[in-house]
Amino acid sequence: MRGTELLRELSNATGLPDDLIGEELSNLIANAGLESETVTVDEIRELLGEYLQTVLLEAKSTISETELENSSDPVLEIAQIEIK
């Protein structure tokens, strides 16, 4: 399975709205210089692995910043001042 059939199957398997997952997958594929009509399972697997890594790092960064902003630890308060 490959291409649009693969993308349709993947979209159905997620349970997410088709327009949401379809748009995100299309953007990932295009940004990687690939074509939606010919993309393979292995290419999608690699793209989604990279995507997941990026999302997790962004989430971790956001959580760290929030914890730092809400901290009452004097050492962390100094670090927060230096970051800003």
PDB file of N, CA and C in Angstrom:
ATOM      1  N   MET A   1       0.852  -1.175   0.000  1.00  0.00           N
ATOM      2  CA  MET A   1       0.000   0.000   0.000  1.00  0.00           C
ATOM      3  C   MET A   1       0.894   1.233   0.000  1.00  0.00           C
ATOM      4  N   ARG A   2       0.474   2.231  -0.756  1.00  0.00           N
ATOM      5  CA  ARG A   2       1.242   3.477  -0.809  1.00  0.00           C
ATOM      6  C   ARG A   2       0.339   4.602  -1.279  1.00  0.00           C
ATOM      7  N   GLY A   3       0.884   5.808  -1.255  1.00  0.00           N
ATOM      8  CA  GLY A   3       0.200   6.975  -1.788  1.00  0.00           C
ATOM      9  C   GLY A   3      -1.079   7.328  -1.061  1.00  0.00           C
ATOM     10  N   THR A   4      -2.045   7.795  -1.830  1.00  0.00           N
ATOM     11  CA  THR A   4      -3.285   8.289  -1.242  1.00  0.00           C
ATOM     12  C   THR A   4      -4.065   7.195  -0.526  1.00  0.00           C
ATOM     13  N   GLU A   5      -3.955   5.961  -0.999  1.00  0.00           N
ATOM     14  CA  GLU A   5      -4.618   4.846  -0.306  1.00  0.00           C
ATOM     15  C   GLU A   5      -4.035   4.674   1.090  1.00  0.00           C
ATOM     16  N   LEU A   6      -2.721   4.754   1.190  1.00  0.00           N
ATOM     17  CA  LEU A   6      -2.035   4.664   2.478  1.00  0.00           C
ATOM     18  C   LEU A   6      -2.453   5.807   3.393  1.00  0.00           C
ATOM     19  N   LEU A   7      -2.500   7.007   2.862  1.00  0.00           N
ATOM     20  CA  LEU A   7      -2.868   8.177   3.667  1.00  0.00           C
ATOM     21  C   LEU A   7      -4.306   8.079   4.154  1.00  0.00           C
ATOM     22  N   ARG A   8      -5.188   7.583   3.326  1.00  0.00           N
ATOM     23  CA  ARG A   8      -6.586   7.405   3.703  1.00  0.00           C
ATOM     24  C   ARG A   8      -6.697   6.375   4.833  1.00  0.00           C
ATOM     25  N   GLU A   9      -5.984   5.272   4.703  1.00  0.00           N
ATOM     26  CA  GLU A   9      -5.980   4.225   5.729  1.00  0.00           C
ATOM     27  C   GLU A   9      -5.421   4.757   7.047  1.00  0.00           C
ATOM     28  N   LEU A  10      -4.348   5.492   6.978  1.00  0.00           N
ATOM     29  CA  LEU A  10      -3.734   6.085   8.162  1.00  0.00           C
ATOM     30  C   LEU A  10      -4.692   7.070   8.831  1.00  0.00           C
ATOM     31  N   SER A  11      -5.321   7.890   8.039  1.00  0.00           N
ATOM     32  CA  SER A  11      -6.277   8.864   8.552  1.00  0.00           C
ATOM     33  C   SER A  11      -7.434   8.165   9.264  1.00  0.00           C
ATOM     34  N   ASN A  12      -7.958   7.121   8.658  1.00  0.00           N
ATOM     35  CA  ASN A  12      -9.055   6.368   9.269  1.00  0.00           C
ATOM     36  C   ASN A  12      -8.620   5.717  10.578  1.00  0.00           C
ATOM     37  N   ALA A  13      -7.397   5.212  10.623  1.00  0.00           N
ATOM     38  CA  ALA A  13      -6.892   4.515  11.807  1.00  0.00           C
ATOM     39  C   ALA A  13      -6.705   5.445  13.000  1.00  0.00           C
ATOM     40  N   THR A  14      -6.449   6.726  12.756  1.00  0.00           N
ATOM     41  CA  THR A  14      -6.201   7.657  13.863  1.00  0.00           C
ATOM     42  C   THR A  14      -7.476   8.012  14.610  1.00  0.00           C
ATOM     43  N   GLY A  15      -8.603   7.998  13.907  1.00  0.00           N
ATOM     44  CA  GLY A  15      -9.846   8.433  14.528  1.00  0.00           C
ATOM     45  C   GLY A  15      -9.973   9.946  14.606  1.00  0.00           C
ATOM     46  N   LEU A  16      -8.983  10.650  14.094  1.00  0.00           N
ATOM     47  CA  LEU A  16      -9.016  12.115  14.072  1.00  0.00           C
ATOM     48  C   LEU A  16      -9.796  12.589  12.857  1.00  0.00           C
ATOM     49  N   PRO A  17     -10.270  13.827  12.878  1.00  0.00           N
ATOM     50  CA  PRO A  17     -10.975  14.352  11.705  1.00  0.00           C
ATOM     51  C   PRO A  17     -10.100  14.286  10.457  1.00  0.00           C
ATOM     52  N   ASP A  18     -10.677  13.834   9.357  1.00  0.00           N
ATOM     53  CA  ASP A  18      -9.928  13.658   8.111  1.00  0.00           C
ATOM     54  C   ASP A  18      -9.236  14.933   7.651  1.00  0.00           C
ATOM     55  N   ASP A  19      -9.909  16.068   7.775  1.00  0.00           N
ATOM     56  CA  ASP A  19      -9.298  17.309   7.304  1.00  0.00           C
ATOM     57  C   ASP A  19      -8.086  17.684   8.151  1.00  0.00           C
ATOM     58  N   LEU A  20      -8.155  17.431   9.448  1.00  0.00           N
ATOM     59  CA  LEU A  20      -7.038  17.751  10.340  1.00  0.00           C
ATOM     60  C   LEU A  20      -5.830  16.871  10.031  1.00  0.00           C
ATOM     61  N   ILE A  21      -6.013  15.579  10.036  1.00  0.00           N
ATOM     62  CA  ILE A  21      -4.895  14.662   9.806  1.00  0.00           C
ATOM     63  C   ILE A  21      -4.405  14.756   8.370  1.00  0.00           C
ATOM     64  N   GLY A  22      -5.325  14.922   7.440  1.00  0.00           N
ATOM     65  CA  GLY A  22      -4.945  15.018   6.028  1.00  0.00           C
ATOM     66  C   GLY A  22      -4.068  16.223   5.756  1.00  0.00           C
ATOM     67  N   GLU A  23      -4.442  17.343   6.324  1.00  0.00           N
ATOM     68  CA  GLU A  23      -3.661  18.575   6.126  1.00  0.00           C
ATOM     69  C   GLU A  23      -2.281  18.449   6.752  1.00  0.00           C
ATOM     70  N   GLU A  24      -2.229  17.904   7.958  1.00  0.00           N
ATOM     71  CA  GLU A  24      -0.943  17.755   8.645  1.00  0.00           C
ATOM     72  C   GLU A  24      -0.029  16.786   7.894  1.00  0.00           C
ATOM     73  N   LEU A  25      -0.576  15.671   7.460  1.00  0.00           N
ATOM     74  CA  LEU A  25       0.219  14.708   6.694  1.00  0.00           C
ATOM     75  C   LEU A  25       0.685  15.302   5.368  1.00  0.00           C
ATOM     76  N   SER A  26      -0.196  16.003   4.706  1.00  0.00           N
ATOM     77  CA  SER A  26       0.174  16.635   3.427  1.00  0.00           C
ATOM     78  C   SER A  26       1.316  17.619   3.607  1.00  0.00           C
ATOM     79  N   ASN A  27       1.259  18.408   4.670  1.00  0.00           N
ATOM     80  CA  ASN A  27       2.332  19.359   4.954  1.00  0.00           C
ATOM     81  C   ASN A  27       3.650  18.645   5.245  1.00  0.00           C
ATOM     82  N   LEU A  28       3.591  17.592   6.050  1.00  0.00           N
ATOM     83  CA  LEU A  28       4.804  16.837   6.362  1.00  0.00           C
ATOM     84  C   LEU A  28       5.421  16.247   5.101  1.00  0.00           C
ATOM     85  N   ILE A  29       4.581  15.676   4.266  1.00  0.00           N
ATOM     86  CA  ILE A  29       5.052  15.044   3.027  1.00  0.00           C
ATOM     87  C   ILE A  29       5.662  16.080   2.092  1.00  0.00           C
ATOM     88  N   ALA A  30       4.958  17.192   1.898  1.00  0.00           N
ATOM     89  CA  ALA A  30       5.455  18.243   1.004  1.00  0.00           C
ATOM     90  C   ALA A  30       6.761  18.842   1.518  1.00  0.00           C
ATOM     91  N   ASN A  31       6.837  19.088   2.835  1.00  0.00           N
ATOM     92  CA  ASN A  31       8.058  19.662   3.420  1.00  0.00           C
ATOM     93  C   ASN A  31       9.257  18.734   3.297  1.00  0.00           C
ATOM     94  N   ALA A  32       8.990  17.444   3.181  1.00  0.00           N
ATOM     95  CA  ALA A  32      10.068  16.471   3.016  1.00  0.00           C
ATOM     96  C   ALA A  32      10.434  16.292   1.543  1.00  0.00           C
ATOM     97  N   GLY A  33       9.722  16.999   0.660  1.00  0.00           N
ATOM     98  CA  GLY A  33       9.999  16.894  -0.765  1.00  0.00           C
ATOM     99  C   GLY A  33       9.450  15.630  -1.398  1.00  0.00           C
ATOM    100  N   LEU A  34       8.453  15.042  -0.758  1.00  0.00           N
ATOM    101  CA  LEU A  34       7.833  13.823  -1.265  1.00  0.00           C
ATOM    102  C   LEU A  34       6.485  14.140  -1.895  1.00  0.00           C
ATOM    103  N   GLU A  35       5.916  13.161  -2.571  1.00  0.00           N
ATOM    104  CA  GLU A  35       4.614  13.314  -3.220  1.00  0.00           C
ATOM    105  C   GLU A  35       3.582  12.446  -2.511  1.00  0.00           C
ATOM    106  N   SER A  36       2.415  13.019  -2.227  1.00  0.00           N
ATOM    107  CA  SER A  36       1.342  12.274  -1.563  1.00  0.00           C
ATOM    108  C   SER A  36       0.919  11.046  -2.354  1.00  0.00           C
ATOM    109  N   GLU A  37       1.011  11.136  -3.663  1.00  0.00           N
ATOM    110  CA  GLU A  37       0.544  10.049  -4.522  1.00  0.00           C
ATOM    111  C   GLU A  37       1.475   8.843  -4.518  1.00  0.00           C
ATOM    112  N   THR A  38       2.722   9.032  -4.087  1.00  0.00           N
ATOM    113  CA  THR A  38       3.700   7.940  -4.162  1.00  0.00           C
ATOM    114  C   THR A  38       4.381   7.623  -2.836  1.00  0.00           C
ATOM    115  N   VAL A  39       4.015   8.306  -1.768  1.00  0.00           N
ATOM    116  CA  VAL A  39       4.677   8.113  -0.480  1.00  0.00           C
ATOM    117  C   VAL A  39       4.484   6.668  -0.001  1.00  0.00           C
ATOM    118  N   THR A  40       5.533   6.123   0.617  1.00  0.00           N
ATOM    119  CA  THR A  40       5.498   4.735   1.079  1.00  0.00           C
ATOM    120  C   THR A  40       5.312   4.667   2.599  1.00  0.00           C
ATOM    121  N   VAL A  41       5.021   3.472   3.089  1.00  0.00           N
ATOM    122  CA  VAL A  41       4.867   3.248   4.525  1.00  0.00           C
ATOM    123  C   VAL A  41       6.157   3.631   5.258  1.00  0.00           C
ATOM    124  N   ASP A  42       7.302   3.223   4.725  1.00  0.00           N
ATOM    125  CA  ASP A  42       8.570   3.540   5.378  1.00  0.00           C
ATOM    126  C   ASP A  42       8.827   5.040   5.434  1.00  0.00           C
ATOM    127  N   GLU A  43       8.476   5.761   4.381  1.00  0.00           N
ATOM    128  CA  GLU A  43       8.651   7.220   4.374  1.00  0.00           C
ATOM    129  C   GLU A  43       7.725   7.875   5.391  1.00  0.00           C
ATOM    130  N   ILE A  44       6.487   7.414   5.450  1.00  0.00           N
ATOM    131  CA  ILE A  44       5.526   7.952   6.433  1.00  0.00           C
ATOM    132  C   ILE A  44       6.013   7.653   7.847  1.00  0.00           C
ATOM    133  N   ARG A  45       6.497   6.453   8.056  1.00  0.00           N
ATOM    134  CA  ARG A  45       7.004   6.053   9.376  1.00  0.00           C
ATOM    135  C   ARG A  45       8.126   6.996   9.817  1.00  0.00           C
ATOM    136  N   GLU A  46       9.047   7.275   8.924  1.00  0.00           N
ATOM    137  CA  GLU A  46      10.155   8.172   9.241  1.00  0.00           C
ATOM    138  C   GLU A  46       9.660   9.595   9.507  1.00  0.00           C
ATOM    139  N   LEU A  47       8.771  10.085   8.661  1.00  0.00           N
ATOM    140  CA  LEU A  47       8.227  11.437   8.841  1.00  0.00           C
ATOM    141  C   LEU A  47       7.495  11.568  10.169  1.00  0.00           C
ATOM    142  N   LEU A  48       6.687  10.581  10.504  1.00  0.00           N
ATOM    143  CA  LEU A  48       5.923  10.641  11.748  1.00  0.00           C
ATOM    144  C   LEU A  48       6.823  10.496  12.969  1.00  0.00           C
ATOM    145  N   GLY A  49       7.905   9.738  12.844  1.00  0.00           N
ATOM    146  CA  GLY A  49       8.870   9.643  13.942  1.00  0.00           C
ATOM    147  C   GLY A  49       9.520  10.986  14.224  1.00  0.00           C
ATOM    148  N   GLU A  50       9.918  11.670  13.171  1.00  0.00           N
ATOM    149  CA  GLU A  50      10.517  12.998  13.313  1.00  0.00           C
ATOM    150  C   GLU A  50       9.501  14.002  13.854  1.00  0.00           C
ATOM    151  N   TYR A  51       8.280  13.900  13.356  1.00  0.00           N
ATOM    152  CA  TYR A  51       7.204  14.790  13.795  1.00  0.00           C
ATOM    153  C   TYR A  51       6.933  14.603  15.289  1.00  0.00           C
ATOM    154  N   LEU A  52       6.841  13.363  15.720  1.00  0.00           N
ATOM    155  CA  LEU A  52       6.587  13.069  17.125  1.00  0.00           C
ATOM    156  C   LEU A  52       7.712  13.594  18.006  1.00  0.00           C
ATOM    157  N   GLN A  53       8.930  13.420  17.567  1.00  0.00           N
ATOM    158  CA  GLN A  53      10.077  13.925  18.313  1.00  0.00           C
ATOM    159  C   GLN A  53      10.002  15.447  18.464  1.00  0.00           C
ATOM    160  N   THR A  54       9.663  16.135  17.386  1.00  0.00           N
ATOM    161  CA  THR A  54       9.541  17.591  17.416  1.00  0.00           C
ATOM    162  C   THR A  54       8.435  18.034  18.370  1.00  0.00           C
ATOM    163  N   VAL A  55       7.293  17.379  18.290  1.00  0.00           N
ATOM    164  CA  VAL A  55       6.156  17.734  19.152  1.00  0.00           C
ATOM    165  C   VAL A  55       6.509  17.507  20.617  1.00  0.00           C
ATOM    166  N   LEU A  56       7.155  16.393  20.926  1.00  0.00           N
ATOM    167  CA  LEU A  56       7.526  16.105  22.307  1.00  0.00           C
ATOM    168  C   LEU A  56       8.553  17.100  22.841  1.00  0.00           C
ATOM    169  N   LEU A  57       9.523  17.477  22.022  1.00  0.00           N
ATOM    170  CA  LEU A  57      10.513  18.471  22.458  1.00  0.00           C
ATOM    171  C   LEU A  57       9.879  19.831  22.695  1.00  0.00           C
ATOM    172  N   GLU A  58       8.945  20.222  21.837  1.00  0.00           N
ATOM    173  CA  GLU A  58       8.240  21.488  22.026  1.00  0.00           C
ATOM    174  C   GLU A  58       7.399  21.456  23.295  1.00  0.00           C
ATOM    175  N   ALA A  59       6.737  20.338  23.551  1.00  0.00           N
ATOM    176  CA  ALA A  59       5.921  20.202  24.759  1.00  0.00           C
ATOM    177  C   ALA A  59       6.808  20.267  25.998  1.00  0.00           C
ATOM    178  N   LYS A  60       7.935  19.586  25.955  1.00  0.00           N
ATOM    179  CA  LYS A  60       8.860  19.598  27.086  1.00  0.00           C
ATOM    180  C   LYS A  60       9.369  21.009  27.349  1.00  0.00           C
ATOM    181  N   SER A  61       9.691  21.728  26.300  1.00  0.00           N
ATOM    182  CA  SER A  61      10.171  23.096  26.429  1.00  0.00           C
ATOM    183  C   SER A  61       9.101  23.989  27.047  1.00  0.00           C
ATOM    184  N   THR A  62       7.879  23.838  26.590  1.00  0.00           N
ATOM    185  CA  THR A  62       6.767  24.634  27.113  1.00  0.00           C
ATOM    186  C   THR A  62       6.536  24.340  28.592  1.00  0.00           C
ATOM    187  N   ILE A  63       6.571  23.066  28.949  1.00  0.00           N
ATOM    188  CA  ILE A  63       6.375  22.680  30.343  1.00  0.00           C
ATOM    189  C   ILE A  63       7.503  23.228  31.206  1.00  0.00           C
ATOM    190  N   SER A  64       8.729  23.134  30.731  1.00  0.00           N
ATOM    191  CA  SER A  64       9.876  23.642  31.488  1.00  0.00           C
ATOM    192  C   SER A  64       9.760  25.147  31.712  1.00  0.00           C
ATOM    193  N   GLU A  65       9.359  25.875  30.693  1.00  0.00           N
ATOM    194  CA  GLU A  65       9.208  27.322  30.821  1.00  0.00           C
ATOM    195  C   GLU A  65       8.107  27.660  31.818  1.00  0.00           C
ATOM    196  N   THR A  66       7.004  26.916  31.777  1.00  0.00           N
ATOM    197  CA  THR A  66       5.893  27.150  32.692  1.00  0.00           C
ATOM    198  C   THR A  66       6.309  26.860  34.123  1.00  0.00           C
ATOM    199  N   GLU A  67       7.024  25.756  34.328  1.00  0.00           N
ATOM    200  CA  GLU A  67       7.503  25.423  35.669  1.00  0.00           C
ATOM    201  C   GLU A  67       8.449  26.491  36.187  1.00  0.00           C
ATOM    202  N   LEU A  68       9.301  26.991  35.344  1.00  0.00           N
ATOM    203  CA  LEU A  68      10.256  28.014  35.726  1.00  0.00           C
ATOM    204  C   LEU A  68       9.533  29.301  36.104  1.00  0.00           C
ATOM    205  N   GLU A  69       8.531  29.663  35.328  1.00  0.00           N
ATOM    206  CA  GLU A  69       7.778  30.888  35.597  1.00  0.00           C
ATOM    207  C   GLU A  69       6.987  30.788  36.894  1.00  0.00           C
ATOM    208  N   ASN A  70       6.543  29.589  37.252  1.00  0.00           N
ATOM    209  CA  ASN A  70       5.704  29.400  38.443  1.00  0.00           C
ATOM    210  C   ASN A  70       6.501  28.981  39.667  1.00  0.00           C
ATOM    211  N   SER A  71       7.804  28.961  39.578  1.00  0.00           N
ATOM    212  CA  SER A  71       8.646  28.475  40.664  1.00  0.00           C
ATOM    213  C   SER A  71       8.806  29.533  41.754  1.00  0.00           C
ATOM    214  N   SER A  72       8.902  29.050  42.996  1.00  0.00           N
ATOM    215  CA  SER A  72       9.208  29.957  44.107  1.00  0.00           C
ATOM    216  C   SER A  72      10.612  29.681  44.648  1.00  0.00           C
ATOM    217  N   ASP A  73      11.377  28.871  43.936  1.00  0.00           N
ATOM    218  CA  ASP A  73      12.764  28.552  44.306  1.00  0.00           C
ATOM    219  C   ASP A  73      13.652  29.734  43.903  1.00  0.00           C
ATOM    220  N   PRO A  74      14.388  30.326  44.846  1.00  0.00           N
ATOM    221  CA  PRO A  74      15.234  31.493  44.527  1.00  0.00           C
ATOM    222  C   PRO A  74      16.246  31.226  43.419  1.00  0.00           C
ATOM    223  N   VAL A  75      16.815  30.026  43.387  1.00  0.00           N
ATOM    224  CA  VAL A  75      17.785  29.706  42.340  1.00  0.00           C
ATOM    225  C   VAL A  75      17.098  29.715  40.976  1.00  0.00           C
ATOM    226  N   LEU A  76      15.910  29.123  40.905  1.00  0.00           N
ATOM    227  CA  LEU A  76      15.180  29.118  39.646  1.00  0.00           C
ATOM    228  C   LEU A  76      14.701  30.511  39.266  1.00  0.00           C
ATOM    229  N   GLU A  77      14.391  31.331  40.262  1.00  0.00           N
ATOM    230  CA  GLU A  77      13.987  32.704  39.965  1.00  0.00           C
ATOM    231  C   GLU A  77      15.146  33.467  39.322  1.00  0.00           C
ATOM    232  N   ILE A  78      16.344  33.240  39.783  1.00  0.00           N
ATOM    233  CA  ILE A  78      17.521  33.887  39.191  1.00  0.00           C
ATOM    234  C   ILE A  78      17.696  33.390  37.754  1.00  0.00           C
ATOM    235  N   ALA A  79      17.553  32.092  37.560  1.00  0.00           N
ATOM    236  CA  ALA A  79      17.673  31.526  36.212  1.00  0.00           C
ATOM    237  C   ALA A  79      16.611  32.109  35.304  1.00  0.00           C
ATOM    238  N   GLN A  80      15.417  32.323  35.840  1.00  0.00           N
ATOM    239  CA  GLN A  80      14.337  32.887  35.031  1.00  0.00           C
ATOM    240  C   GLN A  80      14.685  34.313  34.604  1.00  0.00           C
ATOM    241  N   ILE A  81      15.250  35.084  35.474  1.00  0.00           N
ATOM    242  CA  ILE A  81      15.646  36.451  35.159  1.00  0.00           C
ATOM    243  C   ILE A  81      16.698  36.448  34.051  1.00  0.00           C
ATOM    244  N   GLU A  82      17.649  35.529  34.156  1.00  0.00           N
ATOM    245  CA  GLU A  82      18.711  35.447  33.157  1.00  0.00           C
ATOM    246  C   GLU A  82      18.190  35.008  31.804  1.00  0.00           C
ATOM    247  N   ILE A  83      17.167  34.142  31.788  1.00  0.00           N
ATOM    248  CA  ILE A  83      16.591  33.661  30.527  1.00  0.00           C
ATOM    249  C   ILE A  83      15.883  34.779  29.802  1.00  0.00           C
ATOM    250  N   LYS A  84      15.167  35.606  30.545  1.00  0.00           N
ATOM    251  CA  LYS A  84      14.405  36.698  29.921  1.00  0.00           C
ATOM    252  C   LYS A  84      15.366  37.716  29.411  1.00  0.00           C
TER     253      LYS A  84
END
